[in-house]
Amino acid sequence: MVRELPPGQHVAELERFGLPEFARRFGVVPEHPVLTVQGAVRYPAQFDLAKLIDGLQWQDKRADLHCVTTWSALDLRWSGVRFSELAARIAEAVQPHPRAKWLMVTGLDGFRSCSSLEDVLADGVLAATRLNGEGLAPEHGAPLRLVSADQYGYKNVKQLVALEYRLTYEPGSAGYEEHPRGRVAREERSRFLPGPIWRRIWAAALPIARRPYRTAQR
């Protein structure tokens, strides 16, 4: 049986990818990773990552990763903890503003993406530490990666280092190319222009967009 892909997507192998300006930014994982939480909270805090996830229920999830640039890596095996449970533990300590509806997520390389709390707290969203039975490699998100299969890859921030609770939406590193929700099923590729138009733009630009990552070396 042929598997149906989301609109405008094609199958590809998982490889390191992102905005061209991040191709040579390699986030070096510290010996003792921490997660900084700030923004619309009563008590900004910094958490030891290992202690933060300790005791949370472990989850295994098979999920696809859909890049906004039209490629999809299928049937990936992610392992980690539910992001909603991680966020609940964080919220107990920092006490977010009751009107906070958005979360700016930042990676070690400085990449930022803003998602609605409704999306990141949904069932099935993980804070992953393992991929396909092995610990995450840095290029795929070590030590901790947000995995939200219903959203495009730019919402699945790698190497989590900071969370910022927000009352309003603010575009992340992708700027105008980022959609506030980024839902794959609705082809929300960008805030501007319909998804099918961006589909054609990205399909044509993908070979050029891949080049910086394929030539970058540590």
C-alpha atoms as a PDB file:
ATOM      1  CA  MET A   1       0.000   0.000   0.000  1.00  0.00           C
ATOM      2  CA  VAL A   2       1.415   3.376  -1.029  1.00  0.00           C
ATOM      3  CA  ARG A   3       1.672   5.805   1.863  1.00  0.00           C
ATOM      4  CA  GLU A   4       0.004   9.168   1.329  1.00  0.00           C
ATOM      5  CA  LEU A   5       2.211  12.168   1.997  1.00  0.00           C
ATOM      6  CA  PRO A   6       0.998  15.599   3.105  1.00  0.00           C
ATOM      7  CA  PRO A   7       0.310  18.086   0.294  1.00  0.00           C
ATOM      8  CA  GLY A   8       3.411  19.034  -1.663  1.00  0.00           C
ATOM      9  CA  GLN A   9       5.856  16.737   0.160  1.00  0.00           C
ATOM     10  CA  HIS A  10       8.295  14.123  -1.198  1.00  0.00           C
ATOM     11  CA  VAL A  11      10.278  11.423   0.614  1.00  0.00           C
ATOM     12  CA  ALA A  12      13.912  12.091   1.513  1.00  0.00           C
ATOM     13  CA  GLU A  13      16.511  10.906   4.011  1.00  0.00           C
ATOM     14  CA  LEU A  14      16.873  12.822   7.261  1.00  0.00           C
ATOM     15  CA  GLU A  15      19.877  15.131   7.174  1.00  0.00           C
ATOM     16  CA  ARG A  16      21.016  18.291   8.909  1.00  0.00           C
ATOM     17  CA  PHE A  17      19.155  21.238   7.423  1.00  0.00           C
ATOM     18  CA  GLY A  18      17.842  24.696   8.218  1.00  0.00           C
ATOM     19  CA  LEU A  19      18.213  28.334   7.266  1.00  0.00           C
ATOM     20  CA  PRO A  20      21.401  28.915   5.223  1.00  0.00           C
ATOM     21  CA  GLU A  21      22.848  31.349   7.772  1.00  0.00           C
ATOM     22  CA  PHE A  22      22.859  28.560  10.385  1.00  0.00           C
ATOM     23  CA  ALA A  23      24.739  26.025   8.243  1.00  0.00           C
ATOM     24  CA  ARG A  24      28.083  26.712   9.931  1.00  0.00           C
ATOM     25  CA  ARG A  25      26.734  27.307  13.405  1.00  0.00           C
ATOM     26  CA  PHE A  26      27.362  24.141  15.385  1.00  0.00           C
ATOM     27  CA  GLY A  27      25.881  24.207  18.858  1.00  0.00           C
ATOM     28  CA  VAL A  28      28.411  22.610  21.203  1.00  0.00           C
ATOM     29  CA  VAL A  29      26.600  20.548  23.833  1.00  0.00           C
ATOM     30  CA  PRO A  30      27.870  21.519  27.308  1.00  0.00           C
ATOM     31  CA  GLU A  31      28.849  18.904  29.845  1.00  0.00           C
ATOM     32  CA  HIS A  32      25.901  19.889  32.024  1.00  0.00           C
ATOM     33  CA  PRO A  33      23.123  21.255  29.768  1.00  0.00           C
ATOM     34  CA  VAL A  34      20.690  23.775  31.208  1.00  0.00           C
ATOM     35  CA  LEU A  35      17.361  25.196  30.053  1.00  0.00           C
ATOM     36  CA  THR A  36      16.647  28.886  30.662  1.00  0.00           C
ATOM     37  CA  VAL A  37      12.993  29.914  31.046  1.00  0.00           C
ATOM     38  CA  GLN A  38      11.999  33.576  30.984  1.00  0.00           C
ATOM     39  CA  GLY A  39       9.541  36.045  29.461  1.00  0.00           C
ATOM     40  CA  ALA A  40       5.996  36.396  30.799  1.00  0.00           C
ATOM     41  CA  VAL A  41       6.679  34.462  33.999  1.00  0.00           C
ATOM     42  CA  ARG A  42       6.748  35.432  37.670  1.00  0.00           C
ATOM     43  CA  TYR A  43      10.002  33.622  38.440  1.00  0.00           C
ATOM     44  CA  PRO A  44      12.515  33.341  35.573  1.00  0.00           C
ATOM     45  CA  ALA A  45      14.686  30.297  36.141  1.00  0.00           C
ATOM     46  CA  GLN A  46      17.470  28.127  34.824  1.00  0.00           C
ATOM     47  CA  PHE A  47      17.063  24.362  35.102  1.00  0.00           C
ATOM     48  CA  ASP A  48      19.580  21.561  35.051  1.00  0.00           C
ATOM     49  CA  LEU A  49      18.262  19.579  32.090  1.00  0.00           C
ATOM     50  CA  ALA A  50      18.997  16.135  33.507  1.00  0.00           C
ATOM     51  CA  LYS A  51      17.202  16.955  36.759  1.00  0.00           C
ATOM     52  CA  LEU A  52      14.321  18.592  34.907  1.00  0.00           C
ATOM     53  CA  ILE A  53      13.407  15.461  32.961  1.00  0.00           C
ATOM     54  CA  ASP A  54      14.281  12.990  35.725  1.00  0.00           C
ATOM     55  CA  GLY A  55      11.267  10.966  36.812  1.00  0.00           C
ATOM     56  CA  LEU A  56       9.035  11.933  33.885  1.00  0.00           C
ATOM     57  CA  GLN A  57       7.398   9.077  32.015  1.00  0.00           C
ATOM     58  CA  TRP A  58       9.401   7.866  29.020  1.00  0.00           C
ATOM     59  CA  GLN A  59       7.651   7.820  25.647  1.00  0.00           C
ATOM     60  CA  ASP A  60       8.460   6.184  22.317  1.00  0.00           C
ATOM     61  CA  LYS A  61       6.838   7.608  19.206  1.00  0.00           C
ATOM     62  CA  ARG A  62       7.068   6.839  15.503  1.00  0.00           C
ATOM     63  CA  ALA A  63       6.593  10.048  13.592  1.00  0.00           C
ATOM     64  CA  ASP A  64       7.499  11.694  10.309  1.00  0.00           C
ATOM     65  CA  LEU A  65       9.407  14.952  10.015  1.00  0.00           C
ATOM     66  CA  HIS A  66       8.057  17.279   7.344  1.00  0.00           C
ATOM     67  CA  CYS A  67      10.305  20.131   6.259  1.00  0.00           C
ATOM     68  CA  VAL A  68       8.627  23.270   4.953  1.00  0.00           C
ATOM     69  CA  THR A  69      10.932  23.042   1.911  1.00  0.00           C
ATOM     70  CA  THR A  70       8.882  20.022   0.699  1.00  0.00           C
ATOM     71  CA  TRP A  71      10.911  16.988   1.867  1.00  0.00           C
ATOM     72  CA  SER A  72       9.726  14.458   4.439  1.00  0.00           C
ATOM     73  CA  ALA A  73      11.731  11.907   6.448  1.00  0.00           C
ATOM     74  CA  LEU A  74       9.373   9.059   7.299  1.00  0.00           C
ATOM     75  CA  ASP A  75       8.898   6.620  10.173  1.00  0.00           C
ATOM     76  CA  LEU A  76      11.462   8.077  12.565  1.00  0.00           C
ATOM     77  CA  ARG A  77      11.573   6.537  16.044  1.00  0.00           C
ATOM     78  CA  TRP A  78      11.769   9.262  18.667  1.00  0.00           C
ATOM     79  CA  SER A  79      12.147   8.674  22.406  1.00  0.00           C
ATOM     80  CA  GLY A  80      11.829  11.177  25.212  1.00  0.00           C
ATOM     81  CA  VAL A  81       9.248  12.703  27.538  1.00  0.00           C
ATOM     82  CA  ARG A  82       5.939  14.373  26.804  1.00  0.00           C
ATOM     83  CA  PHE A  83       6.556  18.068  26.286  1.00  0.00           C
ATOM     84  CA  SER A  84       3.299  18.806  28.119  1.00  0.00           C
ATOM     85  CA  GLU A  85       4.613  17.048  31.238  1.00  0.00           C
ATOM     86  CA  LEU A  86       7.943  18.839  30.985  1.00  0.00           C
ATOM     87  CA  ALA A  87       6.126  22.164  30.576  1.00  0.00           C
ATOM     88  CA  ALA A  88       3.900  21.426  33.574  1.00  0.00           C
ATOM     89  CA  ARG A  89       6.966  20.888  35.743  1.00  0.00           C
ATOM     90  CA  ILE A  90       8.473  24.129  34.446  1.00  0.00           C
ATOM     91  CA  ALA A  91       5.234  26.091  34.885  1.00  0.00           C
ATOM     92  CA  GLU A  92       4.954  25.017  38.512  1.00  0.00           C
ATOM     93  CA  ALA A  93       8.305  26.673  39.179  1.00  0.00           C
ATOM     94  CA  VAL A  94       8.150  29.793  36.991  1.00  0.00           C
ATOM     95  CA  GLN A  95       4.389  30.533  37.110  1.00  0.00           C
ATOM     96  CA  PRO A  96       3.638  31.824  33.589  1.00  0.00           C
ATOM     97  CA  HIS A  97       1.312  34.791  33.127  1.00  0.00           C
ATOM     98  CA  PRO A  98      -2.279  33.490  32.777  1.00  0.00           C
ATOM     99  CA  ARG A  99      -2.574  35.214  29.387  1.00  0.00           C
ATOM    100  CA  ALA A 100       0.642  33.718  27.995  1.00  0.00           C
ATOM    101  CA  LYS A 101      -0.387  31.920  24.801  1.00  0.00           C
ATOM    102  CA  TRP A 102       2.906  31.610  22.930  1.00  0.00           C
ATOM    103  CA  LEU A 103       6.283  29.990  23.507  1.00  0.00           C
ATOM    104  CA  MET A 104       9.498  31.154  21.837  1.00  0.00           C
ATOM    105  CA  VAL A 105      11.855  28.181  21.657  1.00  0.00           C
ATOM    106  CA  THR A 106      15.595  28.729  21.158  1.00  0.00           C
ATOM    107  CA  GLY A 107      18.330  26.271  20.198  1.00  0.00           C
ATOM    108  CA  LEU A 108      22.049  26.251  21.006  1.00  0.00           C
ATOM    109  CA  ASP A 109      22.883  27.703  17.598  1.00  0.00           C
ATOM    110  CA  GLY A 110      20.590  30.675  18.220  1.00  0.00           C
ATOM    111  CA  PHE A 111      17.727  29.499  15.995  1.00  0.00           C
ATOM    112  CA  ARG A 112      14.364  30.629  17.356  1.00  0.00           C
ATOM    113  CA  SER A 113      10.802  29.616  16.542  1.00  0.00           C
ATOM    114  CA  CYS A 114       7.551  30.750  18.146  1.00  0.00           C
ATOM    115  CA  SER A 115       4.663  28.312  18.609  1.00  0.00           C
ATOM    116  CA  SER A 116       1.290  28.524  20.279  1.00  0.00           C
ATOM    117  CA  LEU A 117       1.072  26.748  23.627  1.00  0.00           C
ATOM    118  CA  GLU A 118      -1.954  24.948  22.216  1.00  0.00           C
ATOM    119  CA  ASP A 119       0.290  23.294  19.631  1.00  0.00           C
ATOM    120  CA  VAL A 120       3.324  22.444  21.756  1.00  0.00           C
ATOM    121  CA  LEU A 121       1.224  21.100  24.636  1.00  0.00           C
ATOM    122  CA  ALA A 122      -0.806  18.819  22.349  1.00  0.00           C
ATOM    123  CA  ASP A 123      -0.810  15.055  22.784  1.00  0.00           C
ATOM    124  CA  GLY A 124       2.100  13.404  21.020  1.00  0.00           C
ATOM    125  CA  VAL A 125       4.528  16.331  21.203  1.00  0.00           C
ATOM    126  CA  LEU A 126       7.821  15.155  22.688  1.00  0.00           C
ATOM    127  CA  ALA A 127      10.960  16.568  24.208  1.00  0.00           C
ATOM    128  CA  ALA A 128      13.163  13.920  22.617  1.00  0.00           C
ATOM    129  CA  THR A 129      16.601  12.680  23.644  1.00  0.00           C
ATOM    130  CA  ARG A 130      16.900   9.670  21.334  1.00  0.00           C
ATOM    131  CA  LEU A 131      16.347   8.908  17.642  1.00  0.00           C
ATOM    132  CA  ASN A 132      16.059   5.448  16.092  1.00  0.00           C
ATOM    133  CA  GLY A 133      17.291   3.757  19.254  1.00  0.00           C
ATOM    134  CA  GLU A 134      20.374   5.920  19.775  1.00  0.00           C
ATOM    135  CA  GLY A 135      21.117   9.116  21.664  1.00  0.00           C
ATOM    136  CA  LEU A 136      20.477  12.196  19.565  1.00  0.00           C
ATOM    137  CA  ALA A 137      23.484  13.384  17.592  1.00  0.00           C
ATOM    138  CA  PRO A 138      24.127  17.141  17.896  1.00  0.00           C
ATOM    139  CA  GLU A 139      23.089  17.698  14.270  1.00  0.00           C
ATOM    140  CA  HIS A 140      19.696  16.170  15.031  1.00  0.00           C
ATOM    141  CA  GLY A 141      19.076  17.954  18.304  1.00  0.00           C
ATOM    142  CA  ALA A 142      21.149  16.722  21.269  1.00  0.00           C
ATOM    143  CA  PRO A 143      20.695  17.049  24.128  1.00  0.00           C
ATOM    144  CA  LEU A 144      16.950  17.765  23.756  1.00  0.00           C
ATOM    145  CA  ARG A 145      14.759  18.377  20.734  1.00  0.00           C
ATOM    146  CA  LEU A 146      11.167  19.454  20.346  1.00  0.00           C
ATOM    147  CA  VAL A 147       9.282  16.923  18.210  1.00  0.00           C
ATOM    148  CA  SER A 148       5.887  18.117  16.980  1.00  0.00           C
ATOM    149  CA  ALA A 149       5.008  15.916  14.012  1.00  0.00           C
ATOM    150  CA  ASP A 150       1.892  17.905  13.102  1.00  0.00           C
ATOM    151  CA  GLN A 151       3.998  21.017  12.475  1.00  0.00           C
ATOM    152  CA  TYR A 152       6.684  21.750   9.908  1.00  0.00           C
ATOM    153  CA  GLY A 153      10.293  21.146  10.853  1.00  0.00           C
ATOM    154  CA  TYR A 154      11.049  24.785  11.680  1.00  0.00           C
ATOM    155  CA  LYS A 155       8.798  24.375  14.735  1.00  0.00           C
ATOM    156  CA  ASN A 156      10.765  21.272  15.834  1.00  0.00           C
ATOM    157  CA  VAL A 157      13.645  23.227  17.357  1.00  0.00           C
ATOM    158  CA  LYS A 158      16.883  21.320  17.961  1.00  0.00           C
ATOM    159  CA  GLN A 159      19.232  21.541  20.945  1.00  0.00           C
ATOM    160  CA  LEU A 160      16.786  23.297  23.260  1.00  0.00           C
ATOM    161  CA  VAL A 161      18.481  25.902  25.414  1.00  0.00           C
ATOM    162  CA  ALA A 162      15.775  28.478  26.220  1.00  0.00           C
ATOM    163  CA  LEU A 163      12.012  28.946  26.436  1.00  0.00           C
ATOM    164  CA  GLU A 164      10.295  32.329  26.532  1.00  0.00           C
ATOM    165  CA  TYR A 165       6.625  32.575  27.469  1.00  0.00           C
ATOM    166  CA  ARG A 166       4.930  35.339  25.482  1.00  0.00           C
ATOM    167  CA  LEU A 167       1.590  37.127  25.510  1.00  0.00           C
ATOM    168  CA  THR A 168       1.768  37.746  21.753  1.00  0.00           C
ATOM    169  CA  TYR A 169       3.226  36.041  18.713  1.00  0.00           C
ATOM    170  CA  GLU A 170       6.628  37.123  17.452  1.00  0.00           C
ATOM    171  CA  PRO A 171       8.260  35.624  14.350  1.00  0.00           C
ATOM    172  CA  GLY A 172      11.370  33.614  15.040  1.00  0.00           C
ATOM    173  CA  SER A 173      14.524  33.300  12.966  1.00  0.00           C
ATOM    174  CA  ALA A 174      12.573  32.473   9.796  1.00  0.00           C
ATOM    175  CA  GLY A 175      10.850  35.875   9.870  1.00  0.00           C
ATOM    176  CA  TYR A 176       8.166  36.282   7.223  1.00  0.00           C
ATOM    177  CA  GLU A 177       8.728  32.684   6.111  1.00  0.00           C
ATOM    178  CA  GLU A 178       7.367  31.423   9.437  1.00  0.00           C
ATOM    179  CA  HIS A 179       3.679  30.767  10.066  1.00  0.00           C
ATOM    180  CA  PRO A 180       2.388  31.188  13.640  1.00  0.00           C
ATOM    181  CA  ARG A 181       0.975  27.635  13.651  1.00  0.00           C
ATOM    182  CA  GLY A 182       2.928  25.881  10.885  1.00  0.00           C
ATOM    183  CA  ARG A 183       0.488  22.960  10.682  1.00  0.00           C
ATOM    184  CA  VAL A 184       1.386  20.422   8.021  1.00  0.00           C
ATOM    185  CA  ALA A 185      -2.160  19.228   7.303  1.00  0.00           C
ATOM    186  CA  ARG A 186      -3.247  22.798   6.489  1.00  0.00           C
ATOM    187  CA  GLU A 187      -0.055  23.521   4.541  1.00  0.00           C
ATOM    188  CA  GLU A 188       0.698  26.561   6.700  1.00  0.00           C
ATOM    189  CA  ARG A 189       4.154  27.120   5.239  1.00  0.00           C
ATOM    190  CA  SER A 190       4.237  30.892   5.778  1.00  0.00           C
ATOM    191  CA  ARG A 191       2.119  33.792   7.011  1.00  0.00           C
ATOM    192  CA  PHE A 192       2.173  35.215   3.491  1.00  0.00           C
ATOM    193  CA  LEU A 193       0.910  33.588   0.292  1.00  0.00           C
ATOM    194  CA  PRO A 194      -0.968  30.278   0.129  1.00  0.00           C
ATOM    195  CA  GLY A 195       0.904  27.062   0.893  1.00  0.00           C
ATOM    196  CA  PRO A 196       0.754  25.708  -2.690  1.00  0.00           C
ATOM    197  CA  ILE A 197       2.618  28.786  -3.943  1.00  0.00           C
ATOM    198  CA  TRP A 198       5.372  28.335  -1.337  1.00  0.00           C
ATOM    199  CA  ARG A 199       5.438  24.656  -2.256  1.00  0.00           C
ATOM    200  CA  ARG A 200       6.567  25.516  -5.772  1.00  0.00           C
ATOM    201  CA  ILE A 201       9.029  28.154  -4.567  1.00  0.00           C
ATOM    202  CA  TRP A 202      10.704  25.788  -2.117  1.00  0.00           C
ATOM    203  CA  ALA A 203      10.774  22.858  -4.518  1.00  0.00           C
ATOM    204  CA  ALA A 204      12.766  24.991  -6.949  1.00  0.00           C
ATOM    205  CA  ALA A 205      15.046  26.456  -4.266  1.00  0.00           C
ATOM    206  CA  LEU A 206      15.721  23.246  -2.313  1.00  0.00           C
ATOM    207  CA  PRO A 207      18.930  22.164  -4.120  1.00  0.00           C
ATOM    208  CA  ILE A 208      20.469  25.580  -3.472  1.00  0.00           C
ATOM    209  CA  ALA A 209      19.206  25.664   0.127  1.00  0.00           C
ATOM    210  CA  ARG A 210      20.768  22.260   0.859  1.00  0.00           C
ATOM    211  CA  ARG A 211      24.205  23.189  -0.443  1.00  0.00           C
ATOM    212  CA  PRO A 212      25.496  25.162   2.590  1.00  0.00           C
ATOM    213  CA  TYR A 213      24.677  22.277   4.926  1.00  0.00           C
ATOM    214  CA  ARG A 214      26.203  19.621   2.727  1.00  0.00           C
ATOM    215  CA  THR A 215      29.442  21.565   2.360  1.00  0.00           C
ATOM    216  CA  ALA A 216      29.700  22.731   5.986  1.00  0.00           C
ATOM    217  CA  GLN A 217      32.189  20.870   8.165  1.00  0.00           C
ATOM    218  CA  ARG A 218      32.749  20.910  11.893  1.00  0.00           C
END
